[in-house]
Amino acid sequence: MNDIAMQIEGNIDIIKGKLRKKYGSLTDDDLIYQKGMDDEFIGRLQTKLGKTKAEIRHEITKLLDS
């Protein structure tokens, strides 16, 4: 398991709340997360927000640091 996957899995509720607050257009379906499916989660966010995987990973890390 890579570092971003561990960050997502350990903090998914915090991440979802902060993403929902920052991006009001995200739906519950966009924020579905299943253990070990971090690439799928990032892919949905990437599609919805029009950002690269690197940008989404950076965004998640930034949200957790704030």
N, C-alpha and C. Protein backbone atom coordinates (compact mmCIF):
# COMPACT_ATOMS: atom_id res chain seq x y z
N MET A 1 0.85 -1.18 0.00
CA MET A 1 0.00 0.00 0.00
C MET A 1 0.89 1.23 0.00
N ASN A 2 0.63 2.17 -0.92
CA ASN A 2 1.46 3.36 -0.99
C ASN A 2 1.02 4.40 0.03
N ASP A 3 1.81 5.45 0.11
CA ASP A 3 1.58 6.48 1.14
C ASP A 3 0.24 7.17 0.99
N ILE A 4 -0.13 7.54 -0.23
CA ILE A 4 -1.41 8.23 -0.43
C ILE A 4 -2.58 7.31 -0.09
N ALA A 5 -2.44 6.03 -0.41
CA ALA A 5 -3.51 5.08 -0.08
C ALA A 5 -3.69 4.99 1.43
N MET A 6 -2.61 4.98 2.18
CA MET A 6 -2.69 4.93 3.63
C MET A 6 -3.30 6.20 4.18
N GLN A 7 -2.96 7.35 3.59
CA GLN A 7 -3.55 8.62 4.03
C GLN A 7 -5.05 8.63 3.78
N ILE A 8 -5.44 8.16 2.60
CA ILE A 8 -6.87 8.15 2.26
C ILE A 8 -7.62 7.21 3.19
N GLU A 9 -7.14 5.98 3.30
CA GLU A 9 -7.84 4.97 4.10
C GLU A 9 -7.97 5.38 5.56
N GLY A 10 -6.92 5.95 6.12
CA GLY A 10 -6.95 6.32 7.53
C GLY A 10 -7.74 7.58 7.84
N ASN A 11 -8.02 8.36 6.82
CA ASN A 11 -8.66 9.66 7.05
C ASN A 11 -9.83 9.92 6.12
N ILE A 12 -10.46 8.88 5.62
CA ILE A 12 -11.47 9.04 4.57
C ILE A 12 -12.62 9.95 4.98
N ASP A 13 -13.09 9.87 6.20
CA ASP A 13 -14.20 10.72 6.63
C ASP A 13 -13.81 12.20 6.64
N ILE A 14 -12.60 12.48 7.09
CA ILE A 14 -12.10 13.85 7.09
C ILE A 14 -11.95 14.36 5.66
N ILE A 15 -11.36 13.52 4.81
CA ILE A 15 -11.16 13.89 3.40
C ILE A 15 -12.50 14.17 2.72
N LYS A 16 -13.46 13.29 2.91
CA LYS A 16 -14.78 13.47 2.29
C LYS A 16 -15.41 14.78 2.73
N GLY A 17 -15.36 15.06 4.03
CA GLY A 17 -15.96 16.29 4.55
C GLY A 17 -15.30 17.54 3.98
N LYS A 18 -13.99 17.54 3.94
CA LYS A 18 -13.27 18.71 3.42
C LYS A 18 -13.47 18.87 1.92
N LEU A 19 -13.49 17.76 1.18
CA LEU A 19 -13.74 17.84 -0.26
C LEU A 19 -15.15 18.34 -0.54
N ARG A 20 -16.11 17.85 0.21
CA ARG A 20 -17.51 18.26 0.03
C ARG A 20 -17.65 19.77 0.33
N LYS A 21 -16.94 20.24 1.35
CA LYS A 21 -16.99 21.66 1.71
C LYS A 21 -16.34 22.52 0.62
N LYS A 22 -15.21 22.08 0.10
CA LYS A 22 -14.48 22.85 -0.90
C LYS A 22 -15.13 22.78 -2.28
N TYR A 23 -15.64 21.60 -2.63
CA TYR A 23 -16.25 21.38 -3.95
C TYR A 23 -17.70 20.94 -3.76
N GLY A 24 -18.59 21.89 -3.69
CA GLY A 24 -20.00 21.62 -3.44
C GLY A 24 -20.67 20.76 -4.50
N SER A 25 -20.03 20.63 -5.67
CA SER A 25 -20.62 19.84 -6.76
C SER A 25 -20.41 18.34 -6.58
N LEU A 26 -19.58 17.93 -5.62
CA LEU A 26 -19.33 16.50 -5.40
C LEU A 26 -20.55 15.85 -4.75
N THR A 27 -20.91 14.68 -5.27
CA THR A 27 -22.06 13.94 -4.74
C THR A 27 -21.57 12.79 -3.86
N ASP A 28 -22.51 12.14 -3.19
CA ASP A 28 -22.16 10.95 -2.39
C ASP A 28 -21.54 9.89 -3.27
N ASP A 29 -22.04 9.72 -4.49
CA ASP A 29 -21.48 8.73 -5.42
C ASP A 29 -20.03 9.06 -5.79
N ASP A 30 -19.71 10.34 -5.92
CA ASP A 30 -18.33 10.74 -6.23
C ASP A 30 -17.38 10.40 -5.09
N LEU A 31 -17.91 10.38 -3.88
CA LEU A 31 -17.07 10.21 -2.69
C LEU A 31 -17.12 8.81 -2.09
N ILE A 32 -17.65 7.85 -2.85
CA ILE A 32 -17.65 6.47 -2.37
C ILE A 32 -16.22 5.96 -2.33
N TYR A 33 -15.85 5.37 -1.21
CA TYR A 33 -14.50 4.80 -1.07
C TYR A 33 -14.61 3.40 -0.48
N GLN A 34 -13.92 2.47 -1.12
CA GLN A 34 -13.82 1.11 -0.59
C GLN A 34 -12.35 0.83 -0.31
N LYS A 35 -12.09 0.16 0.77
CA LYS A 35 -10.73 -0.16 1.17
C LYS A 35 -9.95 -0.77 0.00
N GLY A 36 -8.78 -0.23 -0.24
CA GLY A 36 -7.91 -0.74 -1.30
C GLY A 36 -8.26 -0.21 -2.68
N MET A 37 -9.26 0.65 -2.77
CA MET A 37 -9.70 1.17 -4.06
C MET A 37 -9.37 2.65 -4.21
N ASP A 38 -8.19 3.06 -3.72
CA ASP A 38 -7.83 4.48 -3.76
C ASP A 38 -7.69 5.01 -5.18
N ASP A 39 -7.20 4.17 -6.12
CA ASP A 39 -7.08 4.63 -7.51
C ASP A 39 -8.44 4.93 -8.12
N GLU A 40 -9.43 4.12 -7.80
CA GLU A 40 -10.79 4.35 -8.30
C GLU A 40 -11.35 5.64 -7.70
N PHE A 41 -11.14 5.85 -6.41
CA PHE A 41 -11.58 7.06 -5.72
C PHE A 41 -10.94 8.29 -6.36
N ILE A 42 -9.63 8.25 -6.55
CA ILE A 42 -8.92 9.36 -7.16
C ILE A 42 -9.39 9.58 -8.60
N GLY A 43 -9.65 8.50 -9.32
CA GLY A 43 -10.13 8.60 -10.70
C GLY A 43 -11.48 9.29 -10.80
N ARG A 44 -12.39 8.98 -9.88
CA ARG A 44 -13.70 9.65 -9.88
C ARG A 44 -13.53 11.14 -9.60
N LEU A 45 -12.68 11.48 -8.65
CA LEU A 45 -12.44 12.88 -8.34
C LEU A 45 -11.78 13.59 -9.52
N GLN A 46 -10.86 12.89 -10.15
CA GLN A 46 -10.17 13.44 -11.32
C GLN A 46 -11.17 13.78 -12.42
N THR A 47 -12.07 12.88 -12.70
CA THR A 47 -13.09 13.09 -13.73
C THR A 47 -14.01 14.24 -13.36
N LYS A 48 -14.50 14.24 -12.15
CA LYS A 48 -15.47 15.24 -11.70
C LYS A 48 -14.86 16.64 -11.62
N LEU A 49 -13.61 16.73 -11.14
CA LEU A 49 -13.00 18.04 -10.91
C LEU A 49 -12.12 18.52 -12.06
N GLY A 50 -11.85 17.64 -13.04
CA GLY A 50 -11.04 18.02 -14.19
C GLY A 50 -9.59 18.27 -13.83
N LYS A 51 -9.06 17.47 -12.91
CA LYS A 51 -7.68 17.62 -12.46
C LYS A 51 -6.91 16.33 -12.76
N THR A 52 -5.59 16.42 -12.74
CA THR A 52 -4.76 15.23 -12.95
C THR A 52 -4.70 14.42 -11.65
N LYS A 53 -4.23 13.19 -11.77
CA LYS A 53 -4.07 12.35 -10.56
C LYS A 53 -3.11 13.01 -9.59
N ALA A 54 -2.04 13.60 -10.11
CA ALA A 54 -1.06 14.26 -9.24
C ALA A 54 -1.70 15.44 -8.50
N GLU A 55 -2.55 16.18 -9.20
CA GLU A 55 -3.23 17.31 -8.56
C GLU A 55 -4.19 16.84 -7.48
N ILE A 56 -4.90 15.75 -7.73
CA ILE A 56 -5.83 15.20 -6.72
C ILE A 56 -5.05 14.71 -5.51
N ARG A 57 -3.97 14.00 -5.75
CA ARG A 57 -3.14 13.51 -4.62
C ARG A 57 -2.61 14.68 -3.81
N HIS A 58 -2.14 15.72 -4.49
CA HIS A 58 -1.63 16.91 -3.80
C HIS A 58 -2.75 17.57 -3.00
N GLU A 59 -3.93 17.66 -3.60
CA GLU A 59 -5.10 18.26 -2.92
C GLU A 59 -5.43 17.50 -1.65
N ILE A 60 -5.43 16.17 -1.71
CA ILE A 60 -5.73 15.35 -0.53
C ILE A 60 -4.69 15.57 0.56
N THR A 61 -3.43 15.58 0.17
CA THR A 61 -2.37 15.80 1.14
C THR A 61 -2.51 17.18 1.78
N LYS A 62 -2.81 18.19 0.96
CA LYS A 62 -3.00 19.56 1.44
C LYS A 62 -4.19 19.65 2.41
N LEU A 63 -5.28 18.97 2.08
CA LEU A 63 -6.46 18.98 2.94
C LEU A 63 -6.15 18.37 4.31
N LEU A 64 -5.35 17.33 4.31
CA LEU A 64 -5.02 16.66 5.57
C LEU A 64 -4.05 17.48 6.42
N ASP A 65 -3.28 18.32 5.76
CA ASP A 65 -2.31 19.17 6.48
C ASP A 65 -2.97 20.42 7.06
N SER A 66 -4.19 20.73 6.58
CA SER A 66 -4.83 21.96 7.05
C SER A 66 -5.74 21.70 8.24
